[in-house]
Structure formats: C-alpha cells, structure tokens
N, C-alpha and C. Protein backbone atom coordinates (compact mmCIF):
# COMPACT_ATOMS: atom_id res chain seq x y z
N UNK A 1 -30.29 -28.75 -22.60
CA UNK A 1 -28.50 -28.43 -23.04
C UNK A 1 -29.04 -26.90 -23.27
N UNK A 2 -29.67 -26.42 -24.28
CA UNK A 2 -29.82 -24.64 -24.98
C UNK A 2 -29.80 -24.35 -23.74
N UNK A 3 -30.71 -24.66 -22.58
CA UNK A 3 -31.20 -23.45 -21.92
C UNK A 3 -29.83 -23.41 -20.42
N UNK A 4 -29.35 -24.45 -20.20
CA UNK A 4 -27.85 -24.52 -19.63
C UNK A 4 -27.41 -23.70 -20.09
N UNK A 5 -27.20 -23.95 -21.00
CA UNK A 5 -25.92 -22.62 -22.13
C UNK A 5 -26.34 -21.34 -21.95
N UNK A 6 -27.90 -21.28 -22.11
CA UNK A 6 -28.59 -19.39 -22.04
C UNK A 6 -28.21 -18.85 -20.56
N UNK A 7 -28.57 -19.94 -19.80
CA UNK A 7 -28.31 -19.77 -18.48
C UNK A 7 -26.70 -19.35 -18.19
N UNK A 8 -25.81 -19.94 -18.49
CA UNK A 8 -24.68 -20.17 -18.04
C UNK A 8 -24.39 -18.50 -18.92
N UNK A 9 -24.49 -18.14 -20.43
CA UNK A 9 -24.07 -17.18 -20.40
C UNK A 9 -24.67 -15.69 -19.94
N UNK A 10 -25.79 -15.89 -19.51
CA UNK A 10 -26.37 -14.83 -19.30
C UNK A 10 -25.55 -14.69 -17.61
N UNK A 11 -25.41 -15.57 -16.66
CA UNK A 11 -24.84 -15.61 -15.62
C UNK A 11 -23.19 -14.77 -15.69
N UNK A 12 -22.46 -15.33 -17.09
CA UNK A 12 -21.25 -14.40 -17.43
C UNK A 12 -21.34 -13.38 -17.60
N UNK A 13 -22.57 -12.61 -18.49
CA UNK A 13 -22.70 -11.31 -18.84
C UNK A 13 -23.09 -10.13 -17.55
N UNK A 14 -24.01 -11.45 -16.89
CA UNK A 14 -24.01 -10.46 -15.25
C UNK A 14 -22.82 -10.30 -14.67
N UNK A 15 -21.68 -10.86 -14.79
CA UNK A 15 -20.50 -10.91 -14.18
C UNK A 15 -19.83 -9.74 -14.78
N UNK A 16 -19.56 -9.64 -15.78
CA UNK A 16 -19.08 -9.04 -16.71
C UNK A 16 -19.44 -7.71 -16.56
N UNK A 17 -20.65 -7.68 -16.34
CA UNK A 17 -21.41 -6.20 -16.16
C UNK A 17 -20.96 -5.88 -14.63
N UNK A 18 -21.08 -6.54 -13.78
CA UNK A 18 -21.25 -6.44 -12.59
C UNK A 18 -19.29 -5.81 -12.15
N UNK A 19 -18.58 -5.98 -13.29
CA UNK A 19 -17.09 -5.92 -13.03
C UNK A 19 -17.18 -4.34 -13.85
N UNK A 20 -17.62 -4.14 -14.42
CA UNK A 20 -17.61 -3.19 -15.36
C UNK A 20 -18.06 -1.66 -14.44
N UNK A 21 -19.29 -2.16 -13.90
CA UNK A 21 -19.29 -1.39 -12.69
C UNK A 21 -18.93 -0.88 -12.10
N UNK A 22 -17.88 -1.81 -11.28
CA UNK A 22 -17.41 -1.67 -9.85
C UNK A 22 -16.32 -0.80 -10.37
N UNK A 23 -15.65 -1.13 -11.75
CA UNK A 23 -14.67 -0.39 -12.11
C UNK A 23 -14.34 0.90 -12.35
N UNK A 24 -15.79 1.03 -12.64
CA UNK A 24 -16.33 2.27 -13.38
C UNK A 24 -16.59 3.41 -12.20
N UNK A 25 -17.33 2.64 -10.81
CA UNK A 25 -17.23 3.15 -10.16
C UNK A 25 -16.28 3.99 -9.39
N UNK A 26 -15.32 2.76 -9.23
CA UNK A 26 -13.96 2.99 -8.30
C UNK A 26 -13.33 3.87 -9.45
N UNK A 27 -13.50 3.85 -10.56
CA UNK A 27 -12.00 4.76 -11.28
C UNK A 27 -12.72 6.45 -11.09
N UNK A 28 -14.03 6.62 -10.51
CA UNK A 28 -14.57 7.68 -10.69
C UNK A 28 -14.29 8.37 -9.25
N UNK A 29 -14.10 7.60 -8.03
CA UNK A 29 -14.00 7.79 -7.16
C UNK A 29 -12.16 8.44 -7.35
N UNK A 30 -11.73 7.50 -7.70
CA UNK A 30 -10.13 7.90 -7.94
C UNK A 30 -9.90 9.09 -8.50
N UNK A 31 -10.81 9.39 -9.36
CA UNK A 31 -10.46 10.64 -10.36
C UNK A 31 -11.38 11.82 -9.31
N UNK A 32 -11.64 11.77 -8.30
CA UNK A 32 -12.21 12.40 -7.54
C UNK A 32 -10.91 12.81 -6.45
N UNK A 33 -10.23 12.37 -6.59
CA UNK A 33 -9.26 12.12 -5.55
C UNK A 33 -7.87 12.80 -6.37
N UNK A 34 -7.28 13.97 -5.91
CA UNK A 34 -6.19 14.58 -6.56
C UNK A 34 -4.75 13.78 -5.98
N UNK A 35 -4.95 13.30 -5.15
CA UNK A 35 -3.44 12.51 -4.46
C UNK A 35 -2.80 11.62 -4.65
N UNK A 36 -3.09 10.84 -6.07
CA UNK A 36 -2.25 9.50 -6.30
C UNK A 36 -1.27 9.49 -6.32
N UNK A 37 -0.17 8.80 -5.82
CA UNK A 37 1.22 9.49 -5.93
C UNK A 37 2.13 8.21 -6.45
N UNK A 38 3.01 8.29 -7.22
CA UNK A 38 3.70 6.88 -7.83
C UNK A 38 4.80 7.08 -6.93
N UNK A 39 5.23 5.59 -7.33
CA UNK A 39 6.58 4.72 -6.08
C UNK A 39 7.47 4.28 -7.15
N UNK A 40 8.71 3.98 -6.39
CA UNK A 40 9.56 3.20 -7.75
C UNK A 40 9.00 2.03 -8.70
N UNK A 41 8.08 1.53 -8.31
CA UNK A 41 7.84 0.36 -9.64
C UNK A 41 6.75 0.57 -9.51
N UNK A 42 5.75 1.67 -9.29
CA UNK A 42 4.06 2.18 -9.48
C UNK A 42 3.96 2.81 -10.04
N UNK A 43 3.72 3.32 -11.44
CA UNK A 43 3.76 4.54 -12.07
C UNK A 43 2.39 4.98 -11.54
N UNK A 44 2.27 6.35 -11.78
CA UNK A 44 0.51 7.38 -11.64
C UNK A 44 -0.29 6.81 -12.67
N UNK A 45 -0.10 6.75 -13.93
CA UNK A 45 -0.60 6.00 -14.37
C UNK A 45 -1.62 4.58 -14.24
N UNK A 46 -0.50 3.67 -13.71
CA UNK A 46 -0.60 2.33 -13.07
C UNK A 46 -1.63 2.50 -11.87
N UNK A 47 -1.38 3.23 -10.95
CA UNK A 47 -1.99 3.13 -9.53
C UNK A 47 -3.62 3.79 -9.61
N UNK A 48 -3.70 2.84 -9.03
CA UNK A 48 -5.16 2.75 -8.63
C UNK A 48 -5.65 4.26 -7.49
N UNK A 49 -5.05 4.37 -5.95
CA UNK A 49 -5.13 5.35 -5.42
C UNK A 49 -3.91 5.10 -4.54
N UNK A 50 -4.00 6.29 -3.45
CA UNK A 50 -3.23 6.05 -2.44
C UNK A 50 -3.52 6.65 -0.95
N UNK A 51 -3.54 5.91 -0.27
CA UNK A 51 -3.19 6.43 1.15
C UNK A 51 -2.19 6.89 1.67
N UNK A 52 -2.45 7.98 2.52
CA UNK A 52 -1.81 8.75 2.79
C UNK A 52 -1.73 9.32 4.03
N UNK A 53 -0.38 9.34 4.83
CA UNK A 53 -0.37 10.06 5.76
C UNK A 53 0.57 11.16 6.39
N UNK A 54 0.86 12.17 6.63
CA UNK A 54 2.19 13.06 7.49
C UNK A 54 2.05 14.38 8.43
N UNK A 55 3.15 14.36 8.76
CA UNK A 55 3.00 15.29 10.52
C UNK A 55 4.50 15.84 10.48
N UNK A 56 4.41 16.68 11.04
CA UNK A 56 5.61 17.49 11.22
C UNK A 56 6.04 16.87 12.36
N UNK A 57 7.62 16.74 12.52
CA UNK A 57 7.92 16.08 13.47
C UNK A 57 9.21 17.12 14.67
N UNK A 58 8.95 17.13 15.69
CA UNK A 58 10.05 18.06 16.19
C UNK A 58 11.72 17.03 16.06
N UNK A 59 12.30 17.57 15.04
CA UNK A 59 13.72 16.32 15.19
C UNK A 59 14.82 16.46 13.91
N UNK A 60 15.51 16.74 13.50
CA UNK A 60 16.37 16.68 12.48
C UNK A 60 16.13 15.57 11.25
N UNK A 61 15.78 15.84 10.24
CA UNK A 61 15.55 15.06 9.19
C UNK A 61 16.29 13.52 9.17
N UNK A 62 18.02 13.52 9.27
CA UNK A 62 18.27 12.77 9.28
C UNK A 62 18.36 11.26 10.72
N UNK A 63 17.88 12.35 11.77
CA UNK A 63 17.68 11.48 12.90
C UNK A 63 15.81 11.02 13.07
N UNK A 64 15.26 11.27 12.56
CA UNK A 64 14.06 10.89 12.18
C UNK A 64 14.13 9.80 10.73
N UNK A 65 14.91 10.00 9.54
CA UNK A 65 15.05 8.29 8.80
C UNK A 65 15.69 7.50 9.44
N UNK A 66 17.27 8.11 10.20
CA UNK A 66 17.33 6.97 11.17
C UNK A 66 16.70 6.01 11.72
N UNK A 67 15.06 6.81 12.25
CA UNK A 67 14.39 5.85 13.12
C UNK A 67 13.73 5.10 11.96
N UNK A 68 13.15 5.42 11.25
CA UNK A 68 12.73 4.58 10.46
C UNK A 68 13.30 3.57 9.76
N UNK A 69 14.42 3.39 9.74
CA UNK A 69 15.55 2.55 8.83
C UNK A 69 15.76 1.57 10.14
N UNK A 70 15.54 1.68 11.31
CA UNK A 70 15.57 1.10 12.48
C UNK A 70 14.40 0.08 12.20
N UNK A 71 14.53 -0.98 11.81
CA UNK A 71 13.10 -1.63 11.36
C UNK A 71 12.83 -2.74 12.56
N UNK A 72 13.73 -3.00 13.50
CA UNK A 72 13.53 -4.08 14.84
C UNK A 72 13.17 -2.77 15.59
N UNK A 73 13.40 -1.85 15.46
CA UNK A 73 12.51 -1.20 17.17
C UNK A 73 11.31 -0.76 16.45
N UNK A 74 10.59 -1.35 15.34
CA UNK A 74 9.01 -0.37 14.92
C UNK A 74 8.60 -1.00 16.63
N UNK A 75 8.03 -2.20 16.78
CA UNK A 75 7.11 -2.33 17.81
C UNK A 75 7.45 -1.98 19.07
N UNK A 76 8.35 -0.85 19.46
CA UNK A 76 8.09 0.20 20.83
C UNK A 76 7.99 1.27 20.05
N UNK A 77 7.62 1.44 18.94
CA UNK A 77 6.80 3.02 18.80
C UNK A 77 5.14 2.89 17.88
N UNK A 78 5.25 1.89 17.06
CA UNK A 78 4.21 1.73 15.99
C UNK A 78 3.39 1.13 16.71
N UNK A 79 1.74 1.38 16.52
CA UNK A 79 0.95 0.50 17.12
C UNK A 79 0.22 -0.34 15.88
N UNK A 80 1.05 -0.53 14.85
CA UNK A 80 0.49 -1.70 13.90
C UNK A 80 1.48 -2.12 13.19
N UNK A 81 2.63 -1.77 12.94
CA UNK A 81 3.54 -1.80 11.54
C UNK A 81 4.83 -2.47 12.32
N UNK A 82 5.31 -3.96 11.91
CA UNK A 82 6.22 -4.55 12.12
C UNK A 82 6.98 -4.97 10.85
N UNK A 83 8.44 -4.94 10.83
CA UNK A 83 8.70 -5.66 9.60
C UNK A 83 9.99 -6.51 10.19
N UNK A 84 9.93 -7.54 8.88
CA UNK A 84 11.04 -8.53 9.43
C UNK A 84 11.99 -8.62 7.76
N UNK A 85 13.43 -9.01 8.13
CA UNK A 85 14.33 -8.93 7.05
C UNK A 85 14.56 -10.34 6.69
N UNK A 86 14.97 -10.83 5.59
CA UNK A 86 15.38 -12.28 5.69
C UNK A 86 16.86 -11.35 5.16
N UNK A 87 17.61 -11.10 5.05
CA UNK A 87 19.04 -10.39 5.15
C UNK A 87 19.34 -9.07 5.00
N UNK A 88 20.31 -8.94 5.72
CA UNK A 88 21.00 -7.84 5.96
C UNK A 88 22.24 -7.41 5.81
N UNK A 89 23.08 -6.36 5.57
CA UNK A 89 24.64 -5.93 5.02
C UNK A 89 25.03 -5.90 6.75
N UNK A 90 26.10 -5.07 6.42
CA UNK A 90 27.28 -5.32 7.82
C UNK A 90 26.40 -4.10 8.68
N UNK A 91 25.98 -3.13 7.92
CA UNK A 91 25.22 -2.14 8.87
C UNK A 91 24.01 -2.31 9.39
N UNK A 92 23.23 -3.70 9.21
CA UNK A 92 22.19 -4.13 10.02
C UNK A 92 21.09 -3.98 8.89
N UNK A 93 21.11 -3.68 7.96
CA UNK A 93 20.05 -2.73 6.62
C UNK A 93 19.72 -3.54 5.82
N UNK A 94 18.59 -4.30 5.07
CA UNK A 94 18.17 -4.86 4.02
C UNK A 94 18.96 -3.84 2.82
N UNK A 95 19.37 -4.60 1.83
CA UNK A 95 19.56 -4.14 0.41
C UNK A 95 18.44 -4.10 -0.21
N UNK A 96 18.63 -3.11 -1.87
CA UNK A 96 17.63 -2.63 -2.84
C UNK A 96 17.10 -4.49 -3.60
N UNK A 97 16.12 -5.40 -3.50
CA UNK A 97 15.84 -6.31 -3.53
C UNK A 97 15.73 -7.52 -2.79
N UNK A 98 16.05 -7.11 -1.33
CA UNK A 98 15.88 -8.15 -0.38
C UNK A 98 14.52 -8.22 0.03
N UNK A 99 14.17 -9.59 0.20
CA UNK A 99 12.75 -9.82 0.71
C UNK A 99 12.59 -9.80 2.69
N UNK A 100 11.18 -9.52 2.50
CA UNK A 100 10.96 -9.68 3.95
C UNK A 100 9.54 -9.64 4.02
N UNK A 101 8.99 -9.37 5.37
CA UNK A 101 7.74 -9.44 5.28
C UNK A 101 7.54 -8.16 5.89
N UNK A 102 6.17 -7.47 5.90
CA UNK A 102 5.64 -6.27 6.50
C UNK A 102 4.02 -6.87 7.26
N UNK A 103 4.48 -6.94 8.63
CA UNK A 103 3.10 -7.32 9.50
C UNK A 103 2.26 -6.23 10.25
N UNK A 104 0.89 -6.04 9.67
CA UNK A 104 0.13 -5.40 9.58
C UNK A 104 -1.00 -5.65 10.82
N UNK A 105 -1.30 -5.06 12.20
CA UNK A 105 -2.34 -5.23 13.24
C UNK A 105 -3.07 -4.05 12.63
N UNK A 106 -4.56 -4.47 12.34
CA UNK A 106 -5.49 -3.76 11.89
C UNK A 106 -6.36 -3.53 12.92
N UNK A 107 -6.51 -5.00 14.08
CA UNK A 107 -7.34 -4.38 15.36
C UNK A 107 -6.86 -5.62 16.04
N UNK A 108 -7.32 -5.82 17.03
CA UNK A 108 -7.20 -6.74 17.99
C UNK A 108 -7.24 -8.21 17.82
N UNK A 109 -8.07 -8.60 16.48
CA UNK A 109 -8.50 -9.60 16.31
C UNK A 109 -7.78 -9.67 14.73
N UNK A 110 -7.30 -8.85 14.16
CA UNK A 110 -6.94 -9.43 12.73
C UNK A 110 -5.52 -8.70 12.67
N UNK A 111 -4.76 -9.40 12.10
CA UNK A 111 -3.08 -9.37 11.50
C UNK A 111 -3.06 -9.76 10.25
N UNK A 112 -2.31 -9.11 9.45
CA UNK A 112 -1.56 -9.68 8.45
C UNK A 112 -0.21 -9.31 8.38
N UNK A 113 0.04 -10.68 7.53
CA UNK A 113 1.30 -11.02 6.96
C UNK A 113 1.76 -10.99 5.23
N UNK A 114 2.52 -9.49 4.97
CA UNK A 114 2.65 -9.53 3.41
C UNK A 114 4.32 -9.53 3.48
N UNK A 115 4.53 -10.44 2.51
CA UNK A 115 5.47 -10.84 1.58
C UNK A 115 5.75 -9.47 0.79
N UNK A 116 6.89 -8.79 1.24
CA UNK A 116 7.19 -7.63 0.32
C UNK A 116 9.11 -7.84 -0.16
N UNK A 117 9.34 -6.57 -0.80
CA UNK A 117 10.84 -6.58 -1.35
C UNK A 117 11.21 -5.41 -1.23
N UNK A 118 12.48 -4.91 -0.94
CA UNK A 118 12.78 -3.61 -0.60
C UNK A 118 12.64 -3.11 -2.20
N UNK A 119 12.82 -1.45 -2.39
CA UNK A 119 12.77 -1.08 -3.90
C UNK A 119 13.60 0.32 -3.73
N UNK A 120 13.52 0.60 -2.47
CA UNK A 120 14.47 1.64 -2.68
C UNK A 120 15.51 1.99 -1.22
N UNK A 121 16.09 2.53 -0.80
CA UNK A 121 16.54 3.07 0.31
C UNK A 121 17.87 4.21 -0.31
N UNK A 122 17.26 5.08 -0.18
CA UNK A 122 17.97 6.26 -0.39
C UNK A 122 18.55 7.35 0.45
N UNK A 123 19.34 7.32 1.35
CA UNK A 123 20.17 7.89 2.36
C UNK A 123 20.19 9.60 1.99
N UNK A 124 20.38 9.99 0.81
CA UNK A 124 20.30 11.50 0.20
C UNK A 124 19.19 11.66 0.19
N UNK A 125 18.61 10.85 -0.07
CA UNK A 125 16.76 12.16 -0.60
C UNK A 125 16.02 11.63 0.88
N UNK A 126 16.61 10.56 1.67
CA UNK A 126 15.90 9.86 2.78
C UNK A 126 14.35 9.38 2.17
N UNK A 127 14.91 8.40 1.65
CA UNK A 127 13.88 7.79 1.13
C UNK A 127 13.92 6.33 1.04
N UNK A 128 12.58 5.45 1.78
CA UNK A 128 12.70 3.94 1.66
C UNK A 128 11.38 3.37 1.32
N UNK A 129 11.88 2.58 0.32
CA UNK A 129 9.91 1.90 0.20
C UNK A 129 10.52 0.21 -0.15
N UNK A 130 9.07 -0.57 -0.17
CA UNK A 130 9.19 -1.80 -0.34
C UNK A 130 7.78 -1.74 -1.13
N UNK A 131 7.59 -3.24 -1.86
CA UNK A 131 6.46 -3.12 -2.66
C UNK A 131 5.89 -5.05 -2.28
N UNK A 132 4.55 -5.00 -2.40
CA UNK A 132 4.17 -6.75 -1.95
C UNK A 132 4.71 -7.16 -2.99
N UNK A 133 4.60 -8.97 -3.00
CA UNK A 133 4.72 -9.68 -3.59
C UNK A 133 4.08 -10.87 -3.74
N UNK A 134 3.15 -10.50 -2.79
CA UNK A 134 2.09 -11.89 -2.84
C UNK A 134 1.31 -11.96 -3.81
N UNK A 135 0.98 -10.98 -4.48
CA UNK A 135 -0.15 -11.56 -5.93
C UNK A 135 0.65 -11.08 -7.10
N UNK A 136 0.39 -11.35 -8.18
CA UNK A 136 0.75 -10.74 -9.51
C UNK A 136 0.44 -9.43 -9.63
N UNK A 137 1.16 -8.33 -10.07
CA UNK A 137 0.65 -6.80 -10.29
C UNK A 137 -0.55 -7.02 -10.92
N UNK A 138 -1.11 -7.41 -11.91
CA UNK A 138 -2.31 -7.00 -12.24
C UNK A 138 -3.59 -7.28 -11.35
N UNK A 139 -3.12 -8.59 -10.29
CA UNK A 139 -4.02 -8.54 -9.38
C UNK A 139 -4.37 -7.71 -8.14
N UNK A 140 -3.00 -7.13 -7.59
CA UNK A 140 -3.12 -6.47 -6.58
C UNK A 140 -1.73 -6.18 -5.72
N UNK A 141 -1.48 -5.18 -6.01
CA UNK A 141 -0.09 -4.72 -5.34
C UNK A 141 0.35 -3.57 -4.83
N UNK A 142 0.62 -3.65 -3.81
CA UNK A 142 1.27 -2.28 -2.91
C UNK A 142 2.14 -1.90 -2.59
N UNK A 143 2.99 -0.44 -2.64
CA UNK A 143 3.75 -0.12 -2.68
C UNK A 143 3.70 0.65 -1.54
N UNK A 144 4.63 0.47 -0.23
CA UNK A 144 4.88 1.61 0.96
C UNK A 144 5.94 2.37 0.59
N UNK A 145 6.07 4.05 0.72
CA UNK A 145 7.07 4.76 0.60
C UNK A 145 6.53 5.27 1.94
N UNK A 146 8.33 5.38 2.86
CA UNK A 146 8.52 6.67 3.56
C UNK A 146 9.24 7.31 3.00
N UNK A 147 9.60 8.97 3.78
CA UNK A 147 10.37 9.88 3.64
C UNK A 147 10.32 10.71 4.73
N UNK A 148 11.69 11.35 4.60
CA UNK A 148 11.37 12.70 5.58
C UNK A 148 12.15 13.75 4.77
N UNK A 149 10.97 15.02 4.84
CA UNK A 149 11.67 16.12 4.15
C UNK A 149 12.23 16.77 5.21
N UNK A 150 12.88 17.70 5.30
CA UNK A 150 13.34 19.13 6.01
C UNK A 150 12.21 19.95 5.58
N UNK A 151 12.27 21.09 6.74
CA UNK A 151 11.01 22.21 6.21
C UNK A 151 11.90 23.42 6.40
N UNK A 152 11.35 24.24 5.29
CA UNK A 152 12.57 25.22 5.21
C UNK A 152 11.86 26.44 6.20
N UNK A 153 12.80 27.54 6.79
CA UNK A 153 12.67 28.00 7.87
C UNK A 153 12.26 27.62 9.13
N UNK A 154 12.51 26.13 9.33
CA UNK A 154 11.97 25.58 10.65
C UNK A 154 13.22 24.79 10.88
N UNK A 155 14.69 24.97 11.27
CA UNK A 155 15.57 23.87 11.73
C UNK A 155 14.94 23.33 12.94
N UNK A 156 16.11 22.27 12.69
CA UNK A 156 15.44 21.09 14.03
C UNK A 156 14.00 20.80 13.63
N UNK A 157 13.04 20.88 12.38
CA UNK A 157 12.02 19.80 12.16
C UNK A 157 12.12 19.56 11.35
N UNK A 158 10.95 18.36 10.27
CA UNK A 158 11.22 18.22 9.48
C UNK A 158 9.59 17.26 9.26
N UNK A 159 9.43 16.83 8.08
CA UNK A 159 7.85 16.34 7.96
C UNK A 159 8.40 15.29 7.39
N UNK A 160 7.65 14.09 8.22
CA UNK A 160 7.26 12.46 7.97
C UNK A 160 6.14 12.59 6.85
N UNK A 161 6.69 11.57 6.13
CA UNK A 161 5.52 11.32 4.83
C UNK A 161 5.18 9.48 4.80
N UNK A 162 4.52 8.93 5.05
CA UNK A 162 3.81 7.46 4.77
C UNK A 162 3.14 7.16 3.74
N UNK A 163 3.07 6.40 2.98
CA UNK A 163 1.64 6.17 2.05
C UNK A 163 2.42 4.83 1.33
N UNK A 164 0.79 4.22 0.87
CA UNK A 164 0.92 3.13 0.14
C UNK A 164 0.41 3.50 -1.04
N UNK A 165 0.83 2.90 -1.98
CA UNK A 165 0.06 3.47 -3.20
C UNK A 165 -0.48 1.69 -3.96
N UNK A 166 -1.87 1.19 -4.46
CA UNK A 166 -2.67 0.16 -5.01
C UNK A 166 -2.59 0.48 -6.28
N UNK A 167 -1.83 -1.02 -7.07
CA UNK A 167 -2.30 -1.11 -8.02
C UNK A 167 -2.98 -2.59 -8.73
N UNK A 168 -3.62 -3.12 -9.45
CA UNK A 168 -4.13 -4.05 -9.59
C UNK A 168 -5.84 -3.82 -9.93
N UNK A 169 -6.50 -4.76 -10.93
CA UNK A 169 -8.11 -5.25 -10.20
C UNK A 169 -8.27 -4.97 -9.36
N UNK A 170 -7.58 -6.19 -8.54
CA UNK A 170 -8.29 -6.00 -6.88
C UNK A 170 -8.48 -4.89 -6.21
N UNK A 171 -7.97 -3.85 -6.31
CA UNK A 171 -7.32 -2.43 -5.52
C UNK A 171 -8.46 -1.79 -6.02
N UNK A 172 -8.97 -1.84 -7.03
CA UNK A 172 -10.50 -1.16 -6.89
C UNK A 172 -11.70 -1.23 -5.59
N UNK A 173 -11.69 -2.90 -5.58
CA UNK A 173 -12.62 -2.91 -4.55
C UNK A 173 -11.99 -2.48 -2.89
N UNK A 174 -10.96 -2.89 -2.84
CA UNK A 174 -10.39 -1.69 -1.72
C UNK A 174 -10.50 -0.61 -1.60
N UNK A 175 -10.46 0.15 -2.95
CA UNK A 175 -10.37 1.85 -2.87
C UNK A 175 -12.29 2.13 -2.50
N UNK A 176 -12.72 1.16 -2.82
CA UNK A 176 -14.79 1.29 -2.29
C UNK A 176 -14.84 0.89 -1.31
N UNK A 177 -14.05 -0.06 -0.60
CA UNK A 177 -14.20 -0.66 0.78
C UNK A 177 -13.81 -0.26 2.04
N UNK A 178 -12.20 -0.04 1.75
CA UNK A 178 -11.33 0.00 2.84
C UNK A 178 -10.77 1.79 2.98
N UNK A 179 -11.07 2.27 1.80
CA UNK A 179 -9.94 3.34 1.64
C UNK A 179 -9.18 4.43 3.18
N UNK A 180 -10.46 4.92 3.51
CA UNK A 180 -10.33 5.51 4.80
C UNK A 180 -9.87 4.74 5.87
N UNK A 181 -9.85 3.52 5.85
CA UNK A 181 -9.31 2.68 6.99
C UNK A 181 -8.11 2.92 6.79
N UNK A 182 -7.61 2.82 5.37
CA UNK A 182 -6.18 2.06 5.01
C UNK A 182 -5.36 3.73 5.53
N UNK A 183 -6.03 5.05 4.92
CA UNK A 183 -5.54 6.23 4.91
C UNK A 183 -5.52 6.15 6.66
N UNK A 184 -6.36 6.11 7.29
CA UNK A 184 -6.30 6.08 8.88
C UNK A 184 -5.09 5.71 9.41
N UNK A 185 -4.88 4.23 9.10
CA UNK A 185 -3.66 3.55 9.12
C UNK A 185 -2.22 4.40 8.86
N UNK A 186 -2.15 5.08 7.84
CA UNK A 186 -1.35 6.13 7.91
C UNK A 186 -0.93 7.04 8.60
N UNK A 187 -2.29 7.64 8.97
CA UNK A 187 -2.09 8.92 9.76
C UNK A 187 -1.82 8.29 11.06
N UNK A 188 -1.98 7.23 11.38
CA UNK A 188 -1.90 6.75 13.09
C UNK A 188 -0.38 5.99 13.00
N UNK A 189 0.41 5.93 11.67
CA UNK A 189 1.49 5.76 11.72
C UNK A 189 2.71 7.06 11.93
N UNK A 190 1.91 7.88 11.53
CA UNK A 190 3.04 9.12 11.25
C UNK A 190 2.57 9.71 12.49
N UNK A 191 1.71 9.91 13.43
CA UNK A 191 1.15 10.18 14.74
C UNK A 191 1.67 9.12 15.83
N UNK A 192 2.29 8.38 15.53
CA UNK A 192 3.10 7.45 16.36
C UNK A 192 4.31 7.61 16.67
N UNK A 193 5.13 7.99 15.04
CA UNK A 193 6.16 8.32 15.27
C UNK A 193 6.77 9.77 15.82
N UNK A 194 5.38 10.61 15.60
CA UNK A 194 5.77 11.77 16.06
C UNK A 194 5.92 12.02 17.56
N UNK A 195 4.91 11.08 18.14
CA UNK A 195 4.87 10.66 19.47
C UNK A 195 6.22 10.06 20.07
N UNK A 196 6.90 9.65 19.16
CA UNK A 196 8.15 8.72 19.60
C UNK A 196 8.90 9.84 19.64
N UNK A 197 9.38 10.71 18.89
CA UNK A 197 10.07 11.69 19.14
C UNK A 197 9.90 13.00 20.63
N UNK A 198 8.69 12.89 20.69
CA UNK A 198 7.97 13.92 21.51
C UNK A 198 8.62 12.87 22.85
N UNK A 199 8.43 11.58 23.04
CA UNK A 199 9.03 11.59 24.11
C UNK A 199 10.48 11.23 24.25
N UNK A 200 11.30 11.19 23.57
CA UNK A 200 12.75 11.10 23.43
C UNK A 200 12.94 13.06 23.72
N UNK A 201 12.46 13.54 23.18
CA UNK A 201 12.57 14.70 23.65
C UNK A 201 12.40 15.07 25.31
N UNK A 202 11.11 14.79 25.45
CA UNK A 202 10.67 14.62 27.13
C UNK A 202 12.06 13.94 28.17
N UNK A 203 12.47 12.70 27.72
CA UNK A 203 13.54 12.36 28.22
C UNK A 203 14.63 12.87 28.47
N UNK A 204 14.92 13.52 27.40
CA UNK A 204 15.97 14.38 27.05
C UNK A 204 16.23 15.37 28.06
N UNK A 205 15.32 15.80 28.41
CA UNK A 205 15.14 17.28 29.11
C UNK A 205 15.18 16.78 30.69
N UNK A 206 14.86 15.47 30.73
CA UNK A 206 14.66 15.10 31.99
C UNK A 206 16.16 14.52 32.25
N UNK A 207 16.82 14.38 31.35
CA UNK A 207 18.17 13.97 32.00
C UNK A 207 19.27 14.87 32.28
N UNK A 208 18.81 16.02 31.41
CA UNK A 208 19.48 17.07 31.53
C UNK A 208 19.10 17.98 32.75
C-alpha cells in the first residue's frame, strides 16, 4: 500500500514537473516573439501567441472589407476557411454575440469545425472578429481578427490583416507544435484574398 502511494506520488510529481517545463519552454518561445496581439476578448497579458498574415491588396478598403463580411462567398476564394452563422440581421450579417461555426480545412484529410461567437463588427474601423467557444478560456480559446487598413499615399490600395490570438493552458502545446503551420494558414488566407481581387481586376479589364 505504501509503495503504491509512493509510486503515485512520484508519477504525479513527474507530471507536474513535465507540465512546468512545457510551460516554461513555451513561454521562452513566446517571449522571443514580439508580435503577440490583443483581441477584443483576449488581452495581451493573457495571450500565449498570435499567428499572423497580411498582404497589400489592389482594392479600396471598403470593397475589401465588404468581401470579408460576405461570409457565404468564402468557399469561392478561400482555400481553407468557411463560416456558417446561426442567425443574421436584415442585411444578411450576424450581429455581435451571434453564434456560428468556423470551418478550417487543414489538408485533404483534416477538416475542423469550431463553434465561435462574433465579438466585433466595426464598419468604421473595418474590423471583424470571432472567438472560439468549444473549450473554457483557461484551457484553450482562440480569437480571429480580420481588419482592413488604408495605405497612406497609395489610393486604391489597402492592407489586409488576419490573425488568431490564443489563450489558455493548451495554447502552450500549440505554440510549440503547430505555430508555424498556423501562421502559414493566415498567410495563405491573405494570399487567397489578394488573388480574389486580382482576378476581379482582370475580369473588369476584360469586360471593358
């Protein structure tokens, strides 16, 4: 009996030490990254890491923002992201607090469906965001932000930014194991939207 208790205690101690080392290593990686971004519901102090992508797009900021708000058309231009919302207003858009799903195609064999809640839709600042709701925040939460910024001195162009910020204990594992893959997904989404507007521009020139 005493030996069983001893072994259990040793096992528990090893688990605690392993978790401590995991968090310490992950924090070191995170501290080396200077681009952790806060989101509407995840503060920078609580965030573990951010995966980020951006691109310069030939298109007006309003047109580009309208494209990312047109959730139903994502499959026509995005190679890995789809959205479905459970409710929408008269304009066809969800409102802050609306629930939905974020569908992520990782590869040909892996597809994830994540329940989310809309946390911001700001037309003036051209920002939209949603946070995952599948797990409690202390375990794992991710919030995606998409924003469109005008480029000073470059009329007809804008910068599109897309990023996920992660919070919760499980985020440390993701930071160590899949951070680069997640960042590549963000960069691919930015490239997809840029290609969509390039195709629109070519189509418009063909018609004229």
